[in-house]
């Protein structure tokens, strides 16, 4: 019997977990656990490991955590993974910290079997689901590979209204509400490699007001080494009812210079992050870490821009000095010729 198969009571007698019927454990105990707790329970004994590995349990947890995974297309892709929904949960639940190595975007090649990427997106306001949607992106076309990478979840004229009203009026109130209460999950799934990852911070790393339209933009970000995966959510408070409206939900990847990567470059970065990215923290408790990593990325980005500007200024000075030297030399030659 495994050491985890018994529970010590009163310092003397022990009660074996085998005394409980499997149906009781399966239907009345394991179904009440969340993902991390279920995974921990599976490590307690070989018997619990077998019971906790049931795909039905993990499918229920995945659908409860990310309602978009209930989509039949997503379900078929997850079923093809080595351990089904358990594999998907292990890939998607922790927040991606950064790529495990500092390789450049040219160090990894695009997976030739990659025919598409599937997005599973869930947005909640005050813990109430306001948007749950899947999106399939074709990645084999020349237009996708060469164009700037951008995944738009909503159509240009599509808006999503939240059934939950925010309290108060004004841009500052709306910004504060979104910063504290608008949570998002954007999971990318690669059917060719049977891997997935959550590329969004749980809460916004920044919330700003657009200077032209007065819309409020909530930015979610995941730092991937020297690259940044950004989800931008554009919102507006509907006048008269204080109803929250989502106008835009999009995902992009940019480099240290702020340049949006092409489809091919982004796909290489995202695939490598799925396969080798570190997973840290517990979603829901790592908001400060996510913001700190984002601020650190902005600091490195600013330093790189300043170094580039200093190099350009030095180059300008060298060019000016060279030009002046040539001009002076030419004047000296002319004066000597006519003197």
Protein backbone atom coordinates (compact mmCIF):
# COMPACT_ATOMS: atom_id res chain seq x y z
CA UNK A 1 0.00 0.00 0.00
CA UNK A 2 1.30 3.48 -0.84
CA UNK A 3 2.03 5.81 2.04
CA UNK A 4 -0.64 8.14 0.71
CA UNK A 5 -3.31 5.43 0.98
CA UNK A 6 -3.81 5.90 4.72
CA UNK A 7 -4.69 8.80 7.00
CA UNK A 8 -3.36 9.01 10.56
CA UNK A 9 -6.00 9.46 13.25
CA UNK A 10 -5.47 10.14 17.04
CA UNK A 11 -1.75 9.35 16.70
CA UNK A 12 -2.39 5.53 16.73
CA UNK A 13 -5.00 4.09 14.39
CA UNK A 14 -5.04 4.71 10.66
CA UNK A 15 -7.90 4.70 8.20
CA UNK A 16 -7.06 3.54 4.70
CA UNK A 17 -8.41 5.55 1.82
CA UNK A 18 -9.19 2.22 0.19
CA UNK A 19 -12.07 2.00 2.66
CA UNK A 20 -13.90 4.55 0.51
CA UNK A 21 -15.64 3.30 -2.58
CA UNK A 22 -14.19 4.58 -5.85
CA UNK A 23 -17.53 6.08 -6.87
CA UNK A 24 -17.60 8.17 -3.69
CA UNK A 25 -14.08 9.47 -4.30
CA UNK A 26 -14.77 10.09 -7.97
CA UNK A 27 -18.17 11.78 -7.71
CA UNK A 28 -18.23 13.39 -4.25
CA UNK A 29 -14.61 14.33 -3.56
CA UNK A 30 -12.60 14.81 -6.75
CA UNK A 31 -15.39 16.73 -8.49
CA UNK A 32 -15.19 19.42 -5.80
CA UNK A 33 -11.50 20.14 -6.39
CA UNK A 34 -9.99 22.80 -8.61
CA UNK A 35 -7.18 22.05 -11.05
CA UNK A 36 -4.11 22.57 -8.82
CA UNK A 37 -5.71 20.68 -5.92
CA UNK A 38 -6.73 17.79 -8.17
CA UNK A 39 -3.19 17.58 -9.54
CA UNK A 40 -1.80 17.51 -5.99
CA UNK A 41 -4.28 14.82 -4.97
CA UNK A 42 -3.12 12.68 -7.88
CA UNK A 43 0.40 12.69 -6.42
CA UNK A 44 -0.71 11.28 -3.06
CA UNK A 45 -0.99 7.64 -4.12
CA UNK A 46 -1.13 5.42 -7.17
CA UNK A 47 -4.84 4.83 -6.65
CA UNK A 48 -5.64 8.54 -6.42
CA UNK A 49 -3.41 9.17 -9.42
CA UNK A 50 -5.49 6.77 -11.48
CA UNK A 51 -8.77 8.31 -10.34
CA UNK A 52 -7.56 11.92 -10.69
CA UNK A 53 -6.37 11.31 -14.25
CA UNK A 54 -9.92 10.79 -15.55
CA UNK A 55 -10.46 13.03 -18.57
CA UNK A 56 -14.03 13.74 -17.51
CA UNK A 57 -12.79 15.52 -14.38
CA UNK A 58 -10.32 17.64 -16.29
CA UNK A 59 -12.82 18.44 -19.02
CA UNK A 60 -15.20 19.77 -16.39
CA UNK A 61 -12.45 21.90 -14.83
CA UNK A 62 -11.34 23.24 -18.22
CA UNK A 63 -14.89 24.13 -19.24
CA UNK A 64 -15.49 25.81 -15.90
CA UNK A 65 -12.22 27.76 -16.00
CA UNK A 66 -12.40 28.61 -19.71
CA UNK A 67 -15.97 28.27 -21.06
CA UNK A 68 -14.67 28.71 -24.61
CA UNK A 69 -13.11 25.23 -24.39
CA UNK A 70 -16.61 23.73 -24.52
CA UNK A 71 -16.61 24.51 -28.26
CA UNK A 72 -16.68 21.21 -30.22
CA UNK A 73 -13.71 22.27 -32.37
CA UNK A 74 -11.61 22.95 -29.28
CA UNK A 75 -12.79 19.70 -27.73
CA UNK A 76 -11.60 17.65 -30.71
CA UNK A 77 -8.17 19.30 -30.64
CA UNK A 78 -7.81 18.76 -26.89
CA UNK A 79 -8.85 15.12 -27.22
CA UNK A 80 -5.87 14.57 -29.53
CA UNK A 81 -3.40 15.73 -26.87
CA UNK A 82 -1.39 13.05 -25.03
CA UNK A 83 -3.45 13.24 -21.81
CA UNK A 84 -6.47 15.05 -23.21
CA UNK A 85 -7.87 17.84 -21.06
CA UNK A 86 -5.27 17.24 -18.36
CA UNK A 87 -2.48 18.08 -20.84
CA UNK A 88 -4.39 21.15 -21.98
CA UNK A 89 -4.86 22.36 -18.40
CA UNK A 90 -1.19 21.87 -17.54
CA UNK A 91 -0.21 23.85 -20.64
CA UNK A 92 -2.71 26.68 -20.19
CA UNK A 93 -3.25 27.32 -16.50
CA UNK A 94 0.06 28.83 -15.29
CA UNK A 95 1.09 32.21 -16.65
CA UNK A 96 3.90 32.19 -19.18
CA UNK A 97 6.88 34.01 -17.68
CA UNK A 98 9.38 34.15 -20.49
CA UNK A 99 10.93 31.89 -23.03
CA UNK A 100 13.28 29.42 -21.43
CA UNK A 101 16.25 30.59 -23.52
CA UNK A 102 17.30 33.91 -24.95
CA UNK A 103 17.23 32.85 -28.59
CA UNK A 104 16.52 35.33 -31.34
CA UNK A 105 13.57 35.07 -33.65
CA UNK A 106 15.81 33.63 -36.35
CA UNK A 107 17.14 30.78 -34.22
CA UNK A 108 14.00 28.65 -34.53
CA UNK A 109 12.35 27.61 -37.75
CA UNK A 110 8.65 27.59 -38.45
CA UNK A 111 7.01 24.20 -37.99
CA UNK A 112 6.23 23.10 -41.57
CA UNK A 113 3.16 21.18 -40.36
CA UNK A 114 1.57 24.27 -38.80
CA UNK A 115 -1.65 24.78 -40.74
CA UNK A 116 -3.48 26.96 -38.27
CA UNK A 117 -3.74 28.41 -34.81
CA UNK A 118 -6.86 28.37 -32.64
CA UNK A 119 -7.67 31.05 -30.07
CA UNK A 120 -9.87 30.37 -27.05
CA UNK A 121 -10.76 33.67 -25.39
CA UNK A 122 -12.78 34.36 -22.23
CA UNK A 123 -13.43 37.82 -20.80
CA UNK A 124 -15.04 38.38 -17.40
CA UNK A 125 -16.21 41.54 -15.68
CA UNK A 126 -16.62 41.25 -11.92
CA UNK A 127 -16.26 37.47 -12.34
CA UNK A 128 -19.24 37.38 -14.73
CA UNK A 129 -18.58 36.02 -18.19
CA UNK A 130 -19.24 38.70 -20.83
CA UNK A 131 -17.39 37.20 -23.81
CA UNK A 132 -16.46 33.63 -24.65
CA UNK A 133 -15.32 33.00 -28.19
CA UNK A 134 -13.04 30.88 -30.35
CA UNK A 135 -11.21 32.02 -33.45
CA UNK A 136 -9.33 29.99 -36.07
CA UNK A 137 -6.40 31.63 -37.87
CA UNK A 138 -5.00 30.21 -41.10
CA UNK A 139 -1.22 30.35 -40.94
CA UNK A 140 -0.11 28.72 -44.21
CA UNK A 141 -1.02 31.53 -46.62
CA UNK A 142 1.63 33.88 -47.97
CA UNK A 143 -0.47 36.87 -46.96
CA UNK A 144 -0.46 35.78 -43.31
CA UNK A 145 3.26 34.97 -43.21
CA UNK A 146 4.34 38.32 -44.68
CA UNK A 147 1.77 40.70 -43.17
CA UNK A 148 1.92 42.18 -39.65
CA UNK A 149 0.53 39.63 -37.21
CA UNK A 150 -2.80 40.58 -35.67
CA UNK A 151 -5.73 38.46 -34.51
CA UNK A 152 -9.04 40.35 -34.23
CA UNK A 153 -11.62 38.53 -32.17
CA UNK A 154 -14.52 40.88 -33.03
CA UNK A 155 -15.69 42.09 -36.42
CA UNK A 156 -15.16 45.81 -37.17
CA UNK A 157 -18.77 46.76 -36.39
CA UNK A 158 -19.35 44.14 -33.69
CA UNK A 159 -19.73 45.16 -30.04
CA UNK A 160 -20.34 43.11 -26.93
CA UNK A 161 -22.36 44.62 -24.09
CA UNK A 162 -21.79 43.52 -20.53
CA UNK A 163 -24.85 42.56 -18.45
CA UNK A 164 -22.95 43.87 -15.40
CA UNK A 165 -23.07 47.61 -14.87
CA UNK A 166 -20.12 49.53 -13.55
CA UNK A 167 -20.62 51.89 -10.65
CA UNK A 168 -19.97 55.59 -11.14
CA UNK A 169 -19.36 57.81 -14.13
CA UNK A 170 -16.43 59.37 -15.88
CA UNK A 171 -13.27 58.05 -17.54
CA UNK A 172 -11.34 57.71 -14.28
CA UNK A 173 -14.07 55.56 -12.77
CA UNK A 174 -14.22 53.35 -15.85
CA UNK A 175 -10.44 52.99 -15.95
CA UNK A 176 -10.35 51.98 -12.30
CA UNK A 177 -13.17 49.47 -12.83
CA UNK A 178 -11.41 47.85 -15.78
CA UNK A 179 -8.06 47.72 -14.03
CA UNK A 180 -9.50 45.88 -11.04
CA UNK A 181 -12.40 43.88 -12.45
CA UNK A 182 -11.89 43.08 -16.15
CA UNK A 183 -10.08 39.74 -16.42
CA UNK A 184 -9.07 37.99 -19.61
CA UNK A 185 -7.69 34.68 -20.81
CA UNK A 186 -6.34 34.21 -24.35
CA UNK A 187 -5.21 30.66 -25.00
CA UNK A 188 -3.51 29.82 -28.28
CA UNK A 189 -3.65 26.19 -29.41
CA UNK A 190 -1.39 24.68 -32.07
CA UNK A 191 -3.14 21.54 -33.40
CA UNK A 192 0.00 20.42 -35.26
CA UNK A 193 2.16 20.18 -32.14
CA UNK A 194 -0.75 19.51 -29.76
CA UNK A 195 0.45 22.26 -27.45
CA UNK A 196 -1.23 25.31 -25.93
CA UNK A 197 -0.37 28.32 -23.79
CA UNK A 198 -2.12 31.26 -22.17
CA UNK A 199 -0.58 34.41 -23.65
CA UNK A 200 -2.51 36.96 -21.59
CA UNK A 201 -2.01 38.42 -18.16
CA UNK A 202 -5.05 37.89 -15.98
CA UNK A 203 -5.65 41.61 -15.39
CA UNK A 204 -4.57 44.66 -17.40
CA UNK A 205 -0.98 45.82 -17.06
CA UNK A 206 -2.13 49.29 -18.12
CA UNK A 207 -5.42 51.11 -18.73
CA UNK A 208 -5.47 54.33 -20.75
CA UNK A 209 -7.97 56.58 -22.48
CA UNK A 210 -7.67 57.06 -26.24
CA UNK A 211 -7.02 60.74 -26.94
CA UNK A 212 -9.22 60.87 -30.06
CA UNK A 213 -12.23 58.62 -29.42
CA UNK A 214 -12.29 58.76 -25.60
CA UNK A 215 -12.52 54.96 -25.58
CA UNK A 216 -10.70 53.20 -22.76
CA UNK A 217 -8.01 50.71 -23.77
CA UNK A 218 -7.02 47.90 -21.42
CA UNK A 219 -3.69 46.29 -22.28
CA UNK A 220 -2.85 42.72 -21.24
CA UNK A 221 0.69 41.52 -21.82
CA UNK A 222 3.02 38.55 -21.53
CA UNK A 223 6.77 39.10 -21.82
CA UNK A 224 8.51 36.48 -23.96
CA UNK A 225 12.19 37.26 -23.53
CA UNK A 226 12.89 40.20 -25.85
CA UNK A 227 9.37 40.10 -27.30
CA UNK A 228 5.98 41.18 -25.99
CA UNK A 229 2.66 39.48 -26.66
CA UNK A 230 -0.08 42.08 -26.21
CA UNK A 231 -3.86 41.78 -26.03
CA UNK A 232 -5.66 45.10 -26.45
CA UNK A 233 -9.27 45.43 -25.27
CA UNK A 234 -11.07 48.63 -26.27
CA UNK A 235 -14.10 49.47 -24.12
CA UNK A 236 -16.67 52.19 -23.74
CA UNK A 237 -19.23 52.97 -21.07
CA UNK A 238 -22.62 53.27 -22.76
CA UNK A 239 -24.28 56.55 -21.87
CA UNK A 240 -27.50 56.41 -19.91
CA UNK A 241 -27.10 52.95 -18.50
CA UNK A 242 -23.43 52.64 -17.58
CA UNK A 243 -23.32 49.40 -19.56
CA UNK A 244 -19.83 48.25 -20.45
CA UNK A 245 -19.28 47.66 -24.18
CA UNK A 246 -16.37 45.80 -25.75
CA UNK A 247 -15.48 47.23 -29.16
CA UNK A 248 -12.17 45.55 -29.92
CA UNK A 249 -10.23 42.53 -28.69
CA UNK A 250 -6.99 41.88 -30.56
CA UNK A 251 -3.64 40.14 -30.12
CA UNK A 252 -0.23 41.15 -31.49
CA UNK A 253 3.46 40.40 -30.96
CA UNK A 254 6.08 43.16 -30.98
CA UNK A 255 9.84 43.37 -30.51
CA UNK A 256 12.02 45.64 -28.39
CA UNK A 257 11.83 48.40 -30.98
CA UNK A 258 8.03 48.42 -30.86
CA UNK A 259 7.72 46.90 -34.32
CA UNK A 260 4.81 44.52 -34.86
CA UNK A 261 6.19 41.19 -36.04
CA UNK A 262 5.02 39.50 -39.21
CA UNK A 263 2.86 36.40 -39.15
CA UNK A 264 5.84 34.12 -39.75
CA UNK A 265 7.99 35.77 -37.08
CA UNK A 266 5.15 35.77 -34.56
CA UNK A 267 4.32 32.13 -35.24
CA UNK A 268 7.92 31.10 -34.56
CA UNK A 269 7.94 33.04 -31.27
CA UNK A 270 4.57 31.66 -30.15
CA UNK A 271 5.41 28.05 -31.05
CA UNK A 272 8.73 28.23 -29.22
CA UNK A 273 6.99 29.74 -26.18
CA UNK A 274 4.46 26.89 -26.14
CA UNK A 275 7.22 24.29 -26.23
CA UNK A 276 9.81 25.86 -23.96
CA UNK A 277 8.30 28.78 -22.06
CA UNK A 278 8.56 28.76 -18.29
CA UNK A 279 5.31 28.67 -16.33
CA UNK A 280 5.33 30.54 -13.04
CA UNK A 281 2.90 31.69 -10.43
CA UNK A 282 -0.74 30.99 -9.89
CA UNK A 283 -3.26 32.73 -12.10
CA UNK A 284 -5.17 35.21 -10.01
CA UNK A 285 -2.29 35.85 -7.62
CA UNK A 286 0.48 37.07 -9.92
CA UNK A 287 -0.92 40.47 -10.99
CA UNK A 288 1.98 42.40 -9.46
CA UNK A 289 4.54 40.08 -11.06
CA UNK A 290 2.92 40.50 -14.46
CA UNK A 291 2.98 44.28 -14.18
CA UNK A 292 6.57 44.22 -12.94
CA UNK A 293 7.67 42.13 -15.92
CA UNK A 294 5.82 44.50 -18.24
CA UNK A 295 7.43 47.57 -16.63
CA UNK A 296 10.83 45.87 -16.84
CA UNK A 297 10.25 45.21 -20.55
CA UNK A 298 9.36 48.87 -21.10
CA UNK A 299 12.52 49.90 -19.24
CA UNK A 300 14.71 47.69 -21.43
CA UNK A 301 12.87 48.97 -24.49
CA UNK A 302 13.53 52.58 -23.45
CA UNK A 303 17.21 51.85 -22.79
CA UNK A 304 17.58 50.22 -26.19
CA UNK A 305 15.97 53.23 -27.86
CA UNK A 306 18.29 55.60 -25.98
CA UNK A 307 21.37 53.55 -26.98
CA UNK A 308 20.22 53.63 -30.58
CA UNK A 309 19.73 57.40 -30.43
CA UNK A 310 23.21 57.88 -28.93
CA UNK A 311 24.74 55.78 -31.71
CA UNK A 312 22.87 57.81 -34.31
CA UNK A 313 24.03 61.07 -32.74
CA UNK A 314 27.64 59.86 -32.72
CA UNK A 315 27.31 58.82 -36.34
CA UNK A 316 25.89 62.24 -37.21
CA UNK A 317 28.82 63.93 -35.47
CA UNK A 318 31.31 61.74 -37.33
CA UNK A 319 29.61 62.54 -40.64
CA UNK A 320 29.60 66.26 -39.85
CA UNK A 321 33.25 66.19 -38.78
CA UNK A 322 34.18 64.29 -41.93
CA UNK A 323 32.29 66.77 -44.08
CA UNK A 324 33.92 69.76 -42.39
CA UNK A 325 37.37 68.17 -42.72
CA UNK A 326 36.86 67.54 -46.41
CA UNK A 327 35.60 71.09 -46.95
CA UNK A 328 38.55 72.64 -45.07
CA UNK A 329 41.01 70.48 -46.99
CA UNK A 330 39.43 71.54 -50.26
CA UNK A 331 39.64 75.23 -49.28
CA UNK A 332 43.32 74.84 -48.33
CA UNK A 333 44.08 73.19 -51.66
CA UNK A 334 42.30 75.94 -53.59
CA UNK A 335 44.05 78.73 -51.66
CA UNK A 336 47.47 77.16 -52.20
CA UNK A 337 46.77 76.77 -55.90
CA UNK A 338 45.97 80.45 -56.38
CA UNK A 339 48.49 81.88 -53.91
